[in-house]
């Protein structure tokens, strides 16, 4: 018997339900930063619908581009250019 706590809840029926919006957003954020665990990636591919992750990824990419554009405009404006 292992002294390590059991963190794998794959036997839990509630974990077999589709991921909610927050879980999808957090999963996409983790993937953006490159810190997505293999366990979570596998869970996403098994339980989630690809279109949800694609749409959230596209929206987050567009938001990131928009934030960069706003930051550049603010810096240029403050520099007097």
PDB file of N, CA and C in Angstrom:
ATOM      1  N   UNK A   1       0.844  -1.169   0.000  1.00  0.00           N
ATOM      2  CA  UNK A   1       0.000   0.000   0.000  1.00  0.00           C
ATOM      3  C   UNK A   1       0.891   1.234   0.000  1.00  0.00           C
ATOM      4  N   UNK A   2       0.558   2.202  -0.802  1.00  0.00           N
ATOM      5  CA  UNK A   2       1.354   3.415  -0.959  1.00  0.00           C
ATOM      6  C   UNK A   2       0.964   4.457   0.074  1.00  0.00           C
ATOM      7  N   UNK A   3       1.980   5.193   0.576  1.00  0.00           N
ATOM      8  CA  UNK A   3       1.685   6.266   1.519  1.00  0.00           C
ATOM      9  C   UNK A   3       1.293   7.543   0.797  1.00  0.00           C
ATOM     10  N   UNK A   4       1.455   7.555  -0.523  1.00  0.00           N
ATOM     11  CA  UNK A   4       1.096   8.714  -1.328  1.00  0.00           C
ATOM     12  C   UNK A   4      -0.425   8.796  -1.453  1.00  0.00           C
ATOM     13  N   UNK A   5      -1.009   9.981  -1.249  1.00  0.00           N
ATOM     14  CA  UNK A   5      -2.469  10.094  -1.371  1.00  0.00           C
ATOM     15  C   UNK A   5      -2.911   9.824  -2.805  1.00  0.00           C
ATOM     16  N   UNK A   6      -4.047   9.221  -2.922  1.00  0.00           N
ATOM     17  CA  UNK A   6      -4.585   8.886  -4.236  1.00  0.00           C
ATOM     18  C   UNK A   6      -5.161  10.139  -4.875  1.00  0.00           C
ATOM     19  N   UNK A   7      -4.461  10.653  -5.898  1.00  0.00           N
ATOM     20  CA  UNK A   7      -4.926  11.865  -6.578  1.00  0.00           C
ATOM     21  C   UNK A   7      -5.583  11.549  -7.905  1.00  0.00           C
ATOM     22  N   UNK A   8      -5.595  10.294  -8.311  1.00  0.00           N
ATOM     23  CA  UNK A   8      -6.230   9.906  -9.560  1.00  0.00           C
ATOM     24  C   UNK A   8      -7.677   9.538  -9.272  1.00  0.00           C
ATOM     25  N   UNK A   9      -8.583  10.390  -9.694  1.00  0.00           N
ATOM     26  CA  UNK A   9     -10.002  10.189  -9.414  1.00  0.00           C
ATOM     27  C   UNK A   9     -10.737   9.662 -10.642  1.00  0.00           C
ATOM     28  N   UNK A  10     -10.070   8.915 -11.500  1.00  0.00           N
ATOM     29  CA  UNK A  10     -10.698   8.440 -12.730  1.00  0.00           C
ATOM     30  C   UNK A  10     -11.803   7.431 -12.455  1.00  0.00           C
ATOM     31  N   UNK A  11     -11.784   6.815 -11.255  1.00  0.00           N
ATOM     32  CA  UNK A  11     -12.849   5.876 -10.906  1.00  0.00           C
ATOM     33  C   UNK A  11     -14.101   6.596 -10.434  1.00  0.00           C
ATOM     34  N   UNK A  12     -13.987   7.856 -10.111  1.00  0.00           N
ATOM     35  CA  UNK A  12     -15.100   8.651  -9.630  1.00  0.00           C
ATOM     36  C   UNK A  12     -16.026   8.969 -10.796  1.00  0.00           C
ATOM     37  N   UNK A  13     -17.300   8.582 -10.740  1.00  0.00           N
ATOM     38  CA  UNK A  13     -18.212   8.831 -11.854  1.00  0.00           C
ATOM     39  C   UNK A  13     -18.391  10.305 -12.188  1.00  0.00           C
ATOM     40  N   UNK A  14     -18.252  11.187 -11.199  1.00  0.00           N
ATOM     41  CA  UNK A  14     -18.436  12.613 -11.471  1.00  0.00           C
ATOM     42  C   UNK A  14     -17.312  13.160 -12.340  1.00  0.00           C
ATOM     43  N   UNK A  15     -16.153  12.476 -12.394  1.00  0.00           N
ATOM     44  CA  UNK A  15     -15.041  12.925 -13.230  1.00  0.00           C
ATOM     45  C   UNK A  15     -15.231  12.533 -14.693  1.00  0.00           C
ATOM     46  N   UNK A  16     -16.198  11.718 -14.996  1.00  0.00           N
ATOM     47  CA  UNK A  16     -16.440  11.300 -16.374  1.00  0.00           C
ATOM     48  C   UNK A  16     -17.397  12.226 -17.103  1.00  0.00           C
ATOM     49  N   UNK A  17     -17.865  13.250 -16.424  1.00  0.00           N
ATOM     50  CA  UNK A  17     -18.770  14.202 -17.058  1.00  0.00           C
ATOM     51  C   UNK A  17     -17.953  15.162 -17.918  1.00  0.00           C
ATOM     52  N   UNK A  18     -18.569  15.806 -18.892  1.00  0.00           N
ATOM     53  CA  UNK A  18     -17.841  16.765 -19.736  1.00  0.00           C
ATOM     54  C   UNK A  18     -17.322  17.929 -18.907  1.00  0.00           C
ATOM     55  N   UNK A  19     -16.184  18.471 -19.294  1.00  0.00           N
ATOM     56  CA  UNK A  19     -15.610  19.588 -18.532  1.00  0.00           C
ATOM     57  C   UNK A  19     -16.466  20.838 -18.664  1.00  0.00           C
ATOM     58  N   UNK A  20     -16.527  21.612 -17.601  1.00  0.00           N
ATOM     59  CA  UNK A  20     -17.273  22.860 -17.606  1.00  0.00           C
ATOM     60  C   UNK A  20     -16.452  23.979 -18.233  1.00  0.00           C
ATOM     61  N   UNK A  21     -17.062  25.143 -18.422  1.00  0.00           N
ATOM     62  CA  UNK A  21     -16.377  26.266 -19.063  1.00  0.00           C
ATOM     63  C   UNK A  21     -15.101  26.693 -18.334  1.00  0.00           C
ATOM     64  N   UNK A  22     -15.133  26.733 -17.007  1.00  0.00           N
ATOM     65  CA  UNK A  22     -13.952  27.147 -16.256  1.00  0.00           C
ATOM     66  C   UNK A  22     -12.807  26.156 -16.447  1.00  0.00           C
ATOM     67  N   UNK A  23     -13.133  24.877 -16.424  1.00  0.00           N
ATOM     68  CA  UNK A  23     -12.108  23.842 -16.608  1.00  0.00           C
ATOM     69  C   UNK A  23     -11.493  23.925 -18.000  1.00  0.00           C
ATOM     70  N   UNK A  24     -12.305  24.238 -19.005  1.00  0.00           N
ATOM     71  CA  UNK A  24     -11.799  24.387 -20.372  1.00  0.00           C
ATOM     72  C   UNK A  24     -10.875  25.597 -20.457  1.00  0.00           C
ATOM     73  N   UNK A  25     -11.299  26.715 -19.868  1.00  0.00           N
ATOM     74  CA  UNK A  25     -10.479  27.934 -19.900  1.00  0.00           C
ATOM     75  C   UNK A  25      -9.151  27.701 -19.184  1.00  0.00           C
ATOM     76  N   UNK A  26      -9.184  27.088 -18.010  1.00  0.00           N
ATOM     77  CA  UNK A  26      -7.954  26.825 -17.275  1.00  0.00           C
ATOM     78  C   UNK A  26      -7.046  25.863 -18.033  1.00  0.00           C
ATOM     79  N   UNK A  27      -7.634  24.894 -18.699  1.00  0.00           N
ATOM     80  CA  UNK A  27      -6.846  23.941 -19.473  1.00  0.00           C
ATOM     81  C   UNK A  27      -6.168  24.630 -20.653  1.00  0.00           C
ATOM     82  N   UNK A  28      -6.893  25.508 -21.335  1.00  0.00           N
ATOM     83  CA  UNK A  28      -6.319  26.238 -22.467  1.00  0.00           C
ATOM     84  C   UNK A  28      -5.232  27.198 -21.980  1.00  0.00           C
ATOM     85  N   UNK A  29      -5.459  27.865 -20.845  1.00  0.00           N
ATOM     86  CA  UNK A  29      -4.436  28.744 -20.275  1.00  0.00           C
ATOM     87  C   UNK A  29      -3.166  27.963 -19.944  1.00  0.00           C
ATOM     88  N   UNK A  30      -3.330  26.794 -19.345  1.00  0.00           N
ATOM     89  CA  UNK A  30      -2.170  25.966 -19.015  1.00  0.00           C
ATOM     90  C   UNK A  30      -1.424  25.565 -20.286  1.00  0.00           C
ATOM     91  N   UNK A  31      -2.162  25.248 -21.328  1.00  0.00           N
ATOM     92  CA  UNK A  31      -1.529  24.890 -22.603  1.00  0.00           C
ATOM     93  C   UNK A  31      -0.814  26.096 -23.210  1.00  0.00           C
ATOM     94  N   UNK A  32      -1.400  27.284 -23.092  1.00  0.00           N
ATOM     95  CA  UNK A  32      -0.764  28.509 -23.593  1.00  0.00           C
ATOM     96  C   UNK A  32       0.602  28.711 -22.964  1.00  0.00           C
ATOM     97  N   UNK A  33       0.679  28.480 -21.649  1.00  0.00           N
ATOM     98  CA  UNK A  33       1.930  28.694 -20.930  1.00  0.00           C
ATOM     99  C   UNK A  33       2.851  27.479 -20.991  1.00  0.00           C
ATOM    100  N   UNK A  34       2.377  26.381 -21.560  1.00  0.00           N
ATOM    101  CA  UNK A  34       3.209  25.193 -21.694  1.00  0.00           C
ATOM    102  C   UNK A  34       3.362  24.396 -20.423  1.00  0.00           C
ATOM    103  N   UNK A  35       2.408  24.510 -19.517  1.00  0.00           N
ATOM    104  CA  UNK A  35       2.500  23.793 -18.245  1.00  0.00           C
ATOM    105  C   UNK A  35       1.361  22.780 -18.083  1.00  0.00           C
ATOM    106  N   UNK A  36       0.727  22.420 -19.163  1.00  0.00           N
ATOM    107  CA  UNK A  36      -0.364  21.448 -19.119  1.00  0.00           C
ATOM    108  C   UNK A  36       0.204  20.078 -18.777  1.00  0.00           C
ATOM    109  N   UNK A  37      -0.330  19.437 -17.755  1.00  0.00           N
ATOM    110  CA  UNK A  37       0.158  18.112 -17.380  1.00  0.00           C
ATOM    111  C   UNK A  37      -0.379  17.072 -18.367  1.00  0.00           C
ATOM    112  N   UNK A  38       0.344  15.979 -18.469  1.00  0.00           N
ATOM    113  CA  UNK A  38      -0.055  14.898 -19.361  1.00  0.00           C
ATOM    114  C   UNK A  38      -1.403  14.321 -18.932  1.00  0.00           C
ATOM    115  N   UNK A  39      -1.609  14.239 -17.626  1.00  0.00           N
ATOM    116  CA  UNK A  39      -2.870  13.707 -17.093  1.00  0.00           C
ATOM    117  C   UNK A  39      -4.049  14.588 -17.525  1.00  0.00           C
ATOM    118  N   UNK A  40      -3.901  15.909 -17.402  1.00  0.00           N
ATOM    119  CA  UNK A  40      -4.975  16.819 -17.786  1.00  0.00           C
ATOM    120  C   UNK A  40      -5.185  16.832 -19.296  1.00  0.00           C
ATOM    121  N   UNK A  41      -4.092  16.739 -20.051  1.00  0.00           N
ATOM    122  CA  UNK A  41      -4.221  16.707 -21.505  1.00  0.00           C
ATOM    123  C   UNK A  41      -5.001  15.469 -21.941  1.00  0.00           C
ATOM    124  N   UNK A  42      -4.666  14.328 -21.344  1.00  0.00           N
ATOM    125  CA  UNK A  42      -5.374  13.089 -21.667  1.00  0.00           C
ATOM    126  C   UNK A  42      -6.845  13.199 -21.278  1.00  0.00           C
ATOM    127  N   UNK A  43      -7.117  13.772 -20.109  1.00  0.00           N
ATOM    128  CA  UNK A  43      -8.504  13.961 -19.662  1.00  0.00           C
ATOM    129  C   UNK A  43      -9.274  14.838 -20.653  1.00  0.00           C
ATOM    130  N   UNK A  44      -8.625  15.918 -21.111  1.00  0.00           N
ATOM    131  CA  UNK A  44      -9.276  16.824 -22.053  1.00  0.00           C
ATOM    132  C   UNK A  44      -9.623  16.111 -23.352  1.00  0.00           C
ATOM    133  N   UNK A  45      -8.706  15.278 -23.837  1.00  0.00           N
ATOM    134  CA  UNK A  45      -8.960  14.580 -25.086  1.00  0.00           C
ATOM    135  C   UNK A  45     -10.010  13.485 -24.934  1.00  0.00           C
ATOM    136  N   UNK A  46     -10.107  12.897 -23.751  1.00  0.00           N
ATOM    137  CA  UNK A  46     -11.069  11.817 -23.541  1.00  0.00           C
ATOM    138  C   UNK A  46     -12.472  12.335 -23.255  1.00  0.00           C
ATOM    139  N   UNK A  47     -12.581  13.419 -22.486  1.00  0.00           N
ATOM    140  CA  UNK A  47     -13.892  13.852 -22.016  1.00  0.00           C
ATOM    141  C   UNK A  47     -14.421  15.087 -22.728  1.00  0.00           C
ATOM    142  N   UNK A  48     -13.543  15.925 -23.217  1.00  0.00           N
ATOM    143  CA  UNK A  48     -13.976  17.182 -23.809  1.00  0.00           C
ATOM    144  C   UNK A  48     -14.232  17.075 -25.299  1.00  0.00           C
ATOM    145  N   UNK A  49     -14.971  18.039 -25.822  1.00  0.00           N
ATOM    146  CA  UNK A  49     -15.197  18.127 -27.260  1.00  0.00           C
ATOM    147  C   UNK A  49     -14.158  19.072 -27.843  1.00  0.00           C
ATOM    148  N   UNK A  50     -13.488  18.667 -28.908  1.00  0.00           N
ATOM    149  CA  UNK A  50     -12.414  19.482 -29.476  1.00  0.00           C
ATOM    150  C   UNK A  50     -12.860  20.896 -29.851  1.00  0.00           C
ATOM    151  N   UNK A  51     -14.064  21.054 -30.334  1.00  0.00           N
ATOM    152  CA  UNK A  51     -14.523  22.370 -30.782  1.00  0.00           C
ATOM    153  C   UNK A  51     -14.522  23.369 -29.628  1.00  0.00           C
ATOM    154  N   UNK A  52     -14.827  22.913 -28.403  1.00  0.00           N
ATOM    155  CA  UNK A  52     -14.826  23.814 -27.249  1.00  0.00           C
ATOM    156  C   UNK A  52     -13.423  24.351 -26.990  1.00  0.00           C
ATOM    157  N   UNK A  53     -12.438  23.478 -27.048  1.00  0.00           N
ATOM    158  CA  UNK A  53     -11.055  23.906 -26.807  1.00  0.00           C
ATOM    159  C   UNK A  53     -10.547  24.780 -27.943  1.00  0.00           C
ATOM    160  N   UNK A  54     -10.934  24.476 -29.154  1.00  0.00           N
ATOM    161  CA  UNK A  54     -10.519  25.284 -30.306  1.00  0.00           C
ATOM    162  C   UNK A  54     -11.100  26.685 -30.212  1.00  0.00           C
ATOM    163  N   UNK A  55     -12.392  26.777 -29.912  1.00  0.00           N
ATOM    164  CA  UNK A  55     -13.029  28.092 -29.801  1.00  0.00           C
ATOM    165  C   UNK A  55     -12.432  28.924 -28.666  1.00  0.00           C
ATOM    166  N   UNK A  56     -12.227  28.309 -27.503  1.00  0.00           N
ATOM    167  CA  UNK A  56     -11.637  29.035 -26.382  1.00  0.00           C
ATOM    168  C   UNK A  56     -10.214  29.457 -26.732  1.00  0.00           C
ATOM    169  N   UNK A  57      -9.468  28.590 -27.396  1.00  0.00           N
ATOM    170  CA  UNK A  57      -8.111  28.925 -27.809  1.00  0.00           C
ATOM    171  C   UNK A  57      -8.082  30.090 -28.785  1.00  0.00           C
ATOM    172  N   UNK A  58      -8.994  30.097 -29.744  1.00  0.00           N
ATOM    173  CA  UNK A  58      -9.054  31.201 -30.702  1.00  0.00           C
ATOM    174  C   UNK A  58      -9.439  32.517 -30.019  1.00  0.00           C
ATOM    175  N   UNK A  59     -10.423  32.448 -29.141  1.00  0.00           N
ATOM    176  CA  UNK A  59     -10.851  33.655 -28.423  1.00  0.00           C
ATOM    177  C   UNK A  59      -9.711  34.190 -27.566  1.00  0.00           C
ATOM    178  N   UNK A  60      -9.019  33.305 -26.871  1.00  0.00           N
ATOM    179  CA  UNK A  60      -7.915  33.745 -26.018  1.00  0.00           C
ATOM    180  C   UNK A  60      -6.762  34.302 -26.848  1.00  0.00           C
ATOM    181  N   UNK A  61      -6.525  33.731 -28.007  1.00  0.00           N
ATOM    182  CA  UNK A  61      -5.481  34.257 -28.895  1.00  0.00           C
ATOM    183  C   UNK A  61      -5.843  35.649 -29.371  1.00  0.00           C
ATOM    184  N   UNK A  62      -7.093  35.839 -29.772  1.00  0.00           N
ATOM    185  CA  UNK A  62      -7.542  37.164 -30.207  1.00  0.00           C
ATOM    186  C   UNK A  62      -7.455  38.180 -29.068  1.00  0.00           C
ATOM    187  N   UNK A  63      -7.821  37.786 -27.865  1.00  0.00           N
ATOM    188  CA  UNK A  63      -7.706  38.674 -26.713  1.00  0.00           C
ATOM    189  C   UNK A  63      -6.247  39.037 -26.438  1.00  0.00           C
ATOM    190  N   UNK A  64      -5.353  38.074 -26.570  1.00  0.00           N
ATOM    191  CA  UNK A  64      -3.936  38.338 -26.357  1.00  0.00           C
ATOM    192  C   UNK A  64      -3.414  39.339 -27.386  1.00  0.00           C
ATOM    193  N   UNK A  65      -3.778  39.147 -28.652  1.00  0.00           N
ATOM    194  CA  UNK A  65      -3.355  40.070 -29.713  1.00  0.00           C
ATOM    195  C   UNK A  65      -3.911  41.466 -29.446  1.00  0.00           C
ATOM    196  N   UNK A  66      -5.168  41.538 -29.052  1.00  0.00           N
ATOM    197  CA  UNK A  66      -5.789  42.825 -28.742  1.00  0.00           C
ATOM    198  C   UNK A  66      -5.073  43.523 -27.592  1.00  0.00           C
ATOM    199  N   UNK A  67      -4.742  42.776 -26.538  1.00  0.00           N
ATOM    200  CA  UNK A  67      -4.021  43.362 -25.406  1.00  0.00           C
ATOM    201  C   UNK A  67      -2.635  43.861 -25.808  1.00  0.00           C
ATOM    202  N   UNK A  68      -1.948  43.130 -26.677  1.00  0.00           N
ATOM    203  CA  UNK A  68      -0.629  43.571 -27.142  1.00  0.00           C
ATOM    204  C   UNK A  68      -0.773  44.850 -27.961  1.00  0.00           C
ATOM    205  N   UNK A  69      -1.773  44.908 -28.835  1.00  0.00           N
ATOM    206  CA  UNK A  69      -1.993  46.114 -29.640  1.00  0.00           C
ATOM    207  C   UNK A  69      -2.301  47.322 -28.757  1.00  0.00           C
ATOM    208  N   UNK A  70      -3.136  47.132 -27.761  1.00  0.00           N
ATOM    209  CA  UNK A  70      -3.468  48.232 -26.846  1.00  0.00           C
ATOM    210  C   UNK A  70      -2.221  48.685 -26.099  1.00  0.00           C
ATOM    211  N   UNK A  71      -1.413  47.733 -25.620  1.00  0.00           N
ATOM    212  CA  UNK A  71      -0.195  48.085 -24.898  1.00  0.00           C
ATOM    213  C   UNK A  71       0.761  48.868 -25.796  1.00  0.00           C
ATOM    214  N   UNK A  72       0.912  48.457 -27.049  1.00  0.00           N
ATOM    215  CA  UNK A  72       1.805  49.156 -27.979  1.00  0.00           C
ATOM    216  C   UNK A  72       1.295  50.571 -28.237  1.00  0.00           C
ATOM    217  N   UNK A  73       0.001  50.705 -28.440  1.00  0.00           N
ATOM    218  CA  UNK A  73      -0.570  52.045 -28.681  1.00  0.00           C
ATOM    219  C   UNK A  73      -0.368  52.949 -27.470  1.00  0.00           C
ATOM    220  N   UNK A  74      -0.548  52.428 -26.264  1.00  0.00           N
ATOM    221  CA  UNK A  74      -0.343  53.223 -25.062  1.00  0.00           C
ATOM    222  C   UNK A  74       1.117  53.652 -24.918  1.00  0.00           C
ATOM    223  N   UNK A  75       2.031  52.743 -25.193  1.00  0.00           N
ATOM    224  CA  UNK A  75       3.449  53.085 -25.107  1.00  0.00           C
ATOM    225  C   UNK A  75       3.820  54.121 -26.152  1.00  0.00           C
ATOM    226  N   UNK A  76       3.349  53.949 -27.363  1.00  0.00           N
ATOM    227  CA  UNK A  76       3.644  54.915 -28.422  1.00  0.00           C
ATOM    228  C   UNK A  76       3.048  56.281 -28.105  1.00  0.00           C
ATOM    229  N   UNK A  77       1.840  56.288 -27.559  1.00  0.00           N
ATOM    230  CA  UNK A  77       1.196  57.559 -27.212  1.00  0.00           C
ATOM    231  C   UNK A  77       1.983  58.258 -26.095  1.00  0.00           C
ATOM    232  N   UNK A  78       2.418  57.499 -25.107  1.00  0.00           N
ATOM    233  CA  UNK A  78       3.164  58.110 -24.001  1.00  0.00           C
ATOM    234  C   UNK A  78       4.550  58.570 -24.441  1.00  0.00           C
ATOM    235  N   UNK A  79       5.080  57.967 -25.514  1.00  0.00           N
ATOM    236  CA  UNK A  79       6.389  58.376 -26.038  1.00  0.00           C
ATOM    237  C   UNK A  79       6.253  59.564 -26.977  1.00  0.00           C
ATOM    238  N   UNK A  80       5.039  59.915 -27.338  1.00  0.00           N
ATOM    239  CA  UNK A  80       4.801  61.050 -28.218  1.00  0.00           C
ATOM    240  C   UNK A  80       4.978  60.733 -29.690  1.00  0.00           C
ATOM    241  N   UNK A  81       4.886  59.479 -30.031  1.00  0.00           N
ATOM    242  CA  UNK A  81       5.048  59.077 -31.440  1.00  0.00           C
ATOM    243  C   UNK A  81       3.692  58.906 -32.092  1.00  0.00           C
TER     244      UNK A  81
END
